[in-house]
Every structure is written in C-alpha cells, then in structure tokens.
C-alpha cells in the first residue's frame, strides 16, 4: 500500500493528513480519492495542486509500489 499525504487545505477538506491506500498509479489514486469525497475531488482538480512521488514533484502519471509515498500539495503562495 502506498503512503498518501495531504497538506494544507487539502488535509483540512479531507479531514485527514495521512493514509495507506492501494492503487496501481497516481492517476488511479487520485480517482480513488475523488470517488470517496466530492469536496476533495474538486480541490484536487483545482489549479496549482501538485503531486510529489517519493519527495519529487511529478508531472503526469506514474506507477506506484507498496513503498511509494504520494503527497498532494495545495497551491503555494508567497514572495
């Protein structure tokens, strides 16, 4: 099972910060999370949300292993 982390407002919306979930890919994981919670689905689809796979920003999709760590990061601001 992959370790899934939510940060910032994503964690606030979902009501959790860390879970273990089974999914074959990042896209399948996003679909699983979206199917569980409509508000989280909307937030994950929003502009600026990034995904980190094993602590590296991911562009696109990737396969997951039992030891994968997937973090969903809300849009960042600052200066």
Protein backbone atom coordinates (compact mmCIF):
# COMPACT_ATOMS: atom_id res chain seq x y z
CA UNK A 1 0.00 0.00 0.00
CA UNK A 2 1.19 3.49 -0.82
CA UNK A 3 1.54 6.12 1.87
CA UNK A 4 -0.67 9.09 0.93
CA UNK A 5 -0.12 12.54 2.42
CA UNK A 6 -2.33 15.60 2.12
CA UNK A 7 -1.07 19.06 3.01
CA UNK A 8 -2.66 22.40 3.80
CA UNK A 9 -6.25 22.96 2.79
CA UNK A 10 -6.40 19.54 1.10
CA UNK A 11 -5.96 17.88 4.51
CA UNK A 12 -8.49 20.27 6.03
CA UNK A 13 -11.06 19.39 3.37
CA UNK A 14 -10.49 15.63 3.66
CA UNK A 15 -10.30 15.57 7.45
CA UNK A 16 -7.09 13.51 7.41
CA UNK A 17 -3.40 14.06 6.67
CA UNK A 18 -2.04 10.55 6.14
CA UNK A 19 -3.47 7.22 4.97
CA UNK A 20 -2.32 3.96 3.45
CA UNK A 21 -4.13 3.18 0.18
CA UNK A 22 -3.84 0.60 -2.58
CA UNK A 23 -3.62 1.93 -6.14
CA UNK A 24 -1.63 0.97 -9.23
CA UNK A 25 -0.80 4.52 -10.31
CA UNK A 26 -1.00 8.14 -9.22
CA UNK A 27 -3.95 8.66 -11.60
CA UNK A 28 -5.77 5.67 -10.06
CA UNK A 29 -5.04 7.01 -6.58
CA UNK A 30 -6.41 10.44 -7.49
CA UNK A 31 -9.55 8.76 -8.90
CA UNK A 32 -9.94 6.68 -5.73
CA UNK A 33 -9.67 9.76 -3.51
CA UNK A 34 -12.03 11.72 -5.74
CA UNK A 35 -14.60 8.93 -5.63
CA UNK A 36 -14.58 8.94 -1.83
CA UNK A 37 -15.09 12.67 -1.29
CA UNK A 38 -16.67 15.15 -3.70
CA UNK A 39 -15.17 18.21 -1.96
CA UNK A 40 -11.70 16.64 -2.08
CA UNK A 41 -12.23 15.73 -5.74
CA UNK A 42 -12.95 19.37 -6.53
CA UNK A 43 -9.92 20.55 -4.55
CA UNK A 44 -7.56 18.02 -6.18
CA UNK A 45 -8.74 19.10 -9.64
CA UNK A 46 -8.10 22.76 -8.84
CA UNK A 47 -5.34 24.84 -10.41
CA UNK A 48 -1.92 24.71 -8.82
CA UNK A 49 -2.31 21.39 -6.98
CA UNK A 50 0.93 19.43 -7.33
CA UNK A 51 1.82 15.82 -6.68
CA UNK A 52 5.10 14.61 -5.23
CA UNK A 53 6.06 10.97 -5.65
CA UNK A 54 8.76 9.84 -3.24
CA UNK A 55 9.57 13.50 -2.48
CA UNK A 56 9.99 14.59 -6.13
CA UNK A 57 7.43 16.72 -7.97
CA UNK A 58 5.67 14.59 -10.57
CA UNK A 59 4.42 15.78 -13.94
CA UNK A 60 1.90 13.33 -15.35
CA UNK A 61 1.25 9.80 -14.12
CA UNK A 62 3.49 7.12 -12.63
CA UNK A 63 3.16 3.57 -11.33
CA UNK A 64 3.08 3.04 -7.57
CA UNK A 65 4.71 0.35 -5.47
CA UNK A 66 3.94 -0.78 -1.95
CA UNK A 67 6.67 1.55 -0.70
CA UNK A 68 5.60 4.66 -2.64
CA UNK A 69 4.89 7.92 -0.87
CA UNK A 70 2.47 10.24 -2.65
CA UNK A 71 1.93 13.77 -1.41
CA UNK A 72 -0.75 16.10 -2.72
CA UNK A 73 0.31 19.73 -2.31
CA UNK A 74 -2.04 22.71 -2.45
CA UNK A 75 -1.13 25.79 -4.48
CA UNK A 76 1.75 27.68 -2.89
CA UNK A 77 1.92 31.40 -2.44
CA UNK A 78 4.50 33.72 -1.05
CA UNK A 79 7.18 36.01 -2.17
